[in-house]
Amino acid sequence: MEEKKLSEKESLELIAQMIRNTQQKLERGNGIPFLIWGYTTVAVSVLVWYLFSSTGNPYWNFLWFLIPVIGFPTMMWNIRKQEKGIKTYIDKVISYVWIAFGVAGIVVSTSAMFIWTLPILFIVVLLMSVGTAITGLVIQFKPIIFSGFAGMLLSYLCLLVKGYEVILVFALIFLVMMVIPGHILNWKGRKK
């Protein structure tokens, strides 16, 4: 097969088309990853807050590991049931971004649990907000861009709020950062 040299204009058009294709795929029910991770995080946060605040037992913090235990299989199930299509470079970039941020989140969470005392809720919100903002910037979808940057700014509340209530603040930030934009993506996809 012979390689065709693309002009600068053709290259830019090809990149723009890849971005449009990725946006359209994300808009067709693919706010689902944001909803899976967002709702899982909110639900586990409320559970940990309730059990930890009512008993004072710090061992309830191990329930945080329910987030990947629930999230990963649910994502795999969702990926399998989706219609197969061409996976663009932009799709791969977004996948790689979330793999990197997901692994970083697990590593820092595990470190906070077993090795060092870290402001883990702040760090996790900041990491996931950056991943959200990058995703929004790559696919050029303003609600995701804004929610990512809002999450970054709101992450500081996790340093300011003390006691068990910081867990509820963490859940609220995930609601703003992932759940709301996930619903906006799905709504926009249904509208089209």
Protein backbone atom coordinates (compact mmCIF):
# COMPACT_ATOMS: atom_id res chain seq x y z
CA MET A 1 0.00 0.00 0.00
CA GLU A 2 1.36 3.39 -0.97
CA GLU A 3 1.46 6.17 1.62
CA LYS A 4 -0.11 9.43 0.53
CA LYS A 5 1.54 12.64 1.70
CA LEU A 6 -1.00 14.99 3.24
CA SER A 7 -0.80 18.73 2.93
CA GLU A 8 -0.93 20.84 6.07
CA LYS A 9 -4.59 21.65 5.37
CA GLU A 10 -5.48 17.97 4.82
CA SER A 11 -3.65 16.97 8.02
CA LEU A 12 -5.56 19.55 10.06
CA GLU A 13 -8.86 18.45 8.51
CA LEU A 14 -8.07 14.81 9.32
CA ILE A 15 -7.33 15.72 12.96
CA ALA A 16 -10.51 17.82 13.16
CA GLN A 17 -12.52 14.89 11.73
CA MET A 18 -11.01 12.51 14.32
CA ILE A 19 -11.99 14.92 17.10
CA ARG A 20 -15.54 15.21 15.67
CA ASN A 21 -15.82 11.40 15.44
CA THR A 22 -14.67 11.03 19.06
CA GLN A 23 -17.11 13.75 20.20
CA GLN A 24 -19.96 12.01 18.40
CA LYS A 25 -19.03 8.65 19.94
CA LEU A 26 -18.85 10.23 23.39
CA GLU A 27 -22.18 11.91 22.85
CA ARG A 28 -23.92 8.63 21.90
CA GLY A 29 -24.38 7.34 25.44
CA ASN A 30 -20.74 7.53 26.30
CA GLY A 31 -21.20 9.78 29.24
CA ILE A 32 -21.55 6.31 30.77
CA PRO A 33 -17.90 6.10 31.99
CA PHE A 34 -18.34 9.42 33.81
CA LEU A 35 -21.59 8.12 35.32
CA ILE A 36 -20.12 4.74 36.32
CA TRP A 37 -17.12 6.24 38.09
CA GLY A 38 -18.99 9.27 39.38
CA TYR A 39 -21.94 7.42 40.90
CA THR A 40 -19.71 4.64 42.26
CA THR A 41 -17.49 7.21 43.96
CA VAL A 42 -20.44 9.14 45.36
CA ALA A 43 -22.14 5.97 46.66
CA VAL A 44 -18.98 4.59 48.28
CA SER A 45 -18.21 8.01 49.77
CA VAL A 46 -21.63 8.25 51.40
CA LEU A 47 -21.30 4.67 52.68
CA VAL A 48 -17.83 5.34 54.16
CA TRP A 49 -19.01 8.64 55.64
CA TYR A 50 -22.05 7.03 57.27
CA LEU A 51 -20.21 4.02 58.71
CA PHE A 52 -17.09 5.94 59.75
CA SER A 53 -18.98 8.86 61.31
CA SER A 54 -21.46 6.65 63.16
CA THR A 55 -18.89 4.20 64.56
CA GLY A 56 -15.59 6.13 64.51
CA ASN A 57 -13.93 2.92 63.30
CA PRO A 58 -11.13 3.81 60.83
CA TYR A 59 -11.25 0.31 59.30
CA TRP A 60 -14.27 1.46 57.28
CA ASN A 61 -11.75 3.33 55.13
CA PHE A 62 -10.93 0.01 53.45
CA LEU A 63 -14.31 0.35 51.73
CA TRP A 64 -12.73 2.99 49.47
CA PHE A 65 -11.28 0.07 47.53
CA LEU A 66 -14.85 -0.77 46.47
CA ILE A 67 -14.54 2.05 43.91
CA PRO A 68 -12.15 0.15 41.60
CA VAL A 69 -13.69 -3.21 42.56
CA ILE A 70 -17.08 -1.99 41.31
CA GLY A 71 -15.87 0.44 38.65
CA PHE A 72 -13.50 -1.76 36.63
CA PRO A 73 -15.88 -4.71 36.06
CA THR A 74 -18.76 -2.33 35.32
CA MET A 75 -16.60 -0.50 32.76
CA MET A 76 -15.51 -3.80 31.16
CA TRP A 77 -19.14 -4.92 30.92
CA ASN A 78 -20.11 -1.55 29.41
CA ILE A 79 -17.27 -1.71 26.85
CA ARG A 80 -18.28 -5.24 25.78
CA LYS A 81 -21.91 -4.26 25.22
CA GLN A 82 -21.08 -1.16 23.17
CA GLU A 83 -21.26 -1.33 19.41
CA LYS A 84 -17.88 -1.91 17.86
CA GLY A 85 -16.48 0.82 15.69
CA ILE A 86 -13.26 2.30 14.53
CA LYS A 87 -11.06 3.33 17.43
CA THR A 88 -9.33 6.58 16.55
CA TYR A 89 -6.08 7.91 17.89
CA ILE A 90 -8.07 10.41 19.98
CA ASP A 91 -10.03 7.50 21.55
CA LYS A 92 -6.74 5.82 22.43
CA VAL A 93 -5.32 9.04 23.89
CA ILE A 94 -8.35 9.42 26.16
CA SER A 95 -8.05 5.77 27.23
CA TYR A 96 -4.34 6.22 28.00
CA VAL A 97 -5.02 9.40 29.98
CA TRP A 98 -7.55 7.58 32.18
CA ILE A 99 -5.35 4.49 32.58
CA ALA A 100 -2.50 6.73 33.79
CA PHE A 101 -4.70 8.74 36.15
CA GLY A 102 -6.47 5.60 37.41
CA VAL A 103 -3.19 3.87 38.22
CA ALA A 104 -1.90 7.05 39.88
CA GLY A 105 -5.08 7.23 41.97
CA ILE A 106 -4.73 3.63 43.12
CA VAL A 107 -1.02 4.03 43.91
CA VAL A 108 -1.50 7.21 45.91
CA SER A 109 -4.57 5.79 47.70
CA THR A 110 -2.72 2.63 48.65
CA SER A 111 0.26 4.70 49.83
CA ALA A 112 -2.04 6.86 51.95
CA MET A 113 -3.67 3.77 53.44
CA PHE A 114 -0.51 1.84 54.29
CA ILE A 115 2.62 4.00 54.09
CA TRP A 116 2.21 7.77 54.53
CA THR A 117 -0.39 10.10 55.86
CA LEU A 118 -1.51 12.11 52.86
CA PRO A 119 -4.45 14.42 52.19
CA ILE A 120 -5.80 11.63 49.99
CA LEU A 121 -9.24 13.06 49.21
CA PHE A 122 -7.62 16.29 47.98
CA ILE A 123 -5.09 14.37 45.86
CA VAL A 124 -7.66 12.03 44.34
CA VAL A 125 -10.05 14.87 43.45
CA LEU A 126 -7.16 16.84 41.96
CA LEU A 127 -5.96 13.85 39.89
CA MET A 128 -9.41 12.97 38.58
CA SER A 129 -10.19 16.64 37.88
CA VAL A 130 -7.06 16.93 35.75
CA GLY A 131 -8.07 13.75 33.87
CA THR A 132 -11.55 15.16 33.33
CA ALA A 133 -10.22 18.51 32.10
CA ILE A 134 -7.77 16.82 29.72
CA THR A 135 -10.60 14.67 28.34
CA GLY A 136 -12.75 17.75 27.81
CA LEU A 137 -9.91 19.66 26.17
CA VAL A 138 -9.06 16.77 23.83
CA ILE A 139 -12.65 16.27 22.69
CA GLN A 140 -13.44 19.99 22.91
CA PHE A 141 -16.59 19.53 25.02
CA LYS A 142 -17.09 22.57 27.25
CA PRO A 143 -19.15 21.00 30.08
CA ILE A 144 -16.37 18.46 30.70
CA ILE A 145 -13.67 21.14 30.47
CA PHE A 146 -15.51 23.35 32.97
CA SER A 147 -16.29 20.49 35.36
CA GLY A 148 -12.64 19.39 35.31
CA PHE A 149 -11.39 22.85 36.17
CA ALA A 150 -14.18 23.31 38.73
CA GLY A 151 -13.07 20.04 40.35
CA MET A 152 -9.50 21.33 40.55
CA LEU A 153 -10.63 24.51 42.29
CA LEU A 154 -13.09 22.70 44.56
CA SER A 155 -10.42 20.14 45.54
CA TYR A 156 -9.05 22.69 48.01
CA LEU A 157 -12.24 22.29 50.04
CA CYS A 158 -10.92 18.84 50.93
CA LEU A 159 -8.04 20.58 52.71
CA LEU A 160 -10.22 23.18 54.40
CA VAL A 161 -13.13 21.06 55.66
CA LYS A 162 -12.28 19.02 58.73
CA GLY A 163 -13.79 15.90 60.24
CA TYR A 164 -16.06 13.39 58.60
CA GLU A 165 -17.78 16.09 56.53
CA VAL A 166 -14.77 16.19 54.18
CA ILE A 167 -16.01 12.85 52.80
CA LEU A 168 -19.35 14.45 51.86
CA VAL A 169 -17.49 17.35 50.23
CA PHE A 170 -15.47 14.78 48.25
CA ALA A 171 -18.72 13.12 47.10
CA LEU A 172 -20.25 16.46 46.14
CA ILE A 173 -17.19 17.37 44.05
CA PHE A 174 -17.44 14.06 42.17
CA LEU A 175 -21.10 14.81 41.54
CA VAL A 176 -20.13 18.14 39.95
CA MET A 177 -17.03 16.81 38.20
CA MET A 178 -18.31 13.53 36.72
CA VAL A 179 -22.00 12.83 37.24
CA ILE A 180 -23.40 16.11 35.91
CA PRO A 181 -21.19 16.20 32.77
CA GLY A 182 -21.94 12.50 32.19
CA HIS A 183 -25.65 13.25 32.13
CA ILE A 184 -25.07 16.27 29.87
CA LEU A 185 -23.14 14.06 27.41
CA ASN A 186 -25.90 11.46 27.37
CA TRP A 187 -28.62 14.10 27.05
CA LYS A 188 -26.79 15.73 24.14
CA GLY A 189 -26.38 12.32 22.48
CA ARG A 190 -30.10 11.51 22.83
CA LYS A 191 -31.00 14.94 21.51
CA LYS A 192 -29.08 14.25 18.29
